[in-house]
Amino acid sequence: MEQQFILRAFQDQIKPIDLEPSQQLLVELYRQLLLREAYCKHLLQENLLKGSSPLF
């Protein structure tokens, strides 16, 4: 439910943005998503190598 609210607020916020700024925003969001994924993989690998259970 909270995620839907946040998504709706984001949609309202970006509605007036033109094409070029929209593309720049998408590139930045994707870059951050890739960084987050790499960080999660790193944490998971560290936890597995230590023999402890993963954080997830």
Protein backbone atom coordinates (compact mmCIF):
# COMPACT_ATOMS: atom_id res chain seq x y z
CA MET A 1 0.00 0.00 0.00
CA GLU A 2 2.77 2.44 0.93
CA GLN A 3 4.68 1.56 -2.24
CA GLN A 4 1.61 2.37 -4.33
CA PHE A 5 1.35 5.77 -2.66
CA ILE A 6 5.04 6.48 -3.26
CA LEU A 7 4.74 5.38 -6.89
CA ARG A 8 1.69 7.60 -7.43
CA ALA A 9 3.51 10.58 -5.89
CA PHE A 10 6.48 9.92 -8.19
CA GLN A 11 4.18 9.73 -11.23
CA ASP A 12 2.63 13.08 -10.32
CA GLN A 13 6.06 14.60 -9.79
CA ILE A 14 7.46 13.55 -13.18
CA LYS A 15 4.34 14.17 -15.26
CA PRO A 16 5.36 17.71 -16.32
CA ILE A 17 8.97 16.75 -17.21
CA ASP A 18 9.97 16.98 -20.88
CA LEU A 19 11.56 14.15 -22.85
CA GLU A 20 15.26 14.97 -22.36
CA PRO A 21 15.08 15.46 -18.58
CA SER A 22 12.95 12.31 -18.39
CA GLN A 23 15.61 10.32 -20.20
CA GLN A 24 18.31 11.70 -17.91
CA LEU A 25 16.23 10.76 -14.88
CA LEU A 26 15.72 7.23 -16.19
CA VAL A 27 19.44 6.80 -16.80
CA GLU A 28 20.22 7.98 -13.26
CA LEU A 29 17.57 5.70 -11.74
CA TYR A 30 18.92 2.74 -13.69
CA ARG A 31 22.47 3.55 -12.59
CA GLN A 32 21.33 3.59 -8.96
CA LEU A 33 19.46 0.32 -9.46
CA LEU A 34 22.62 -1.32 -10.81
CA LEU A 35 24.65 -0.02 -7.86
CA ARG A 36 22.04 -1.32 -5.43
CA GLU A 37 22.04 -4.72 -7.12
CA ALA A 38 25.84 -4.91 -7.01
CA TYR A 39 25.83 -3.95 -3.31
CA CYS A 40 23.22 -6.61 -2.49
CA LYS A 41 25.20 -9.25 -4.38
CA HIS A 42 28.34 -8.23 -2.53
CA LEU A 43 26.61 -8.50 0.86
CA LEU A 44 25.16 -11.86 -0.05
CA GLN A 45 28.52 -13.21 -1.19
CA GLU A 46 30.21 -11.97 1.99
CA ASN A 47 27.59 -13.64 4.16
CA LEU A 48 27.79 -16.91 2.23
CA LEU A 49 31.58 -16.96 2.40
CA LYS A 50 31.50 -16.41 6.15
CA GLY A 51 29.11 -19.32 6.51
CA SER A 52 26.41 -17.24 8.10
CA SER A 53 22.88 -16.95 6.86
CA PRO A 54 22.13 -14.17 4.36
CA LEU A 55 20.50 -10.96 5.48
CA PHE A 56 17.55 -11.49 3.14
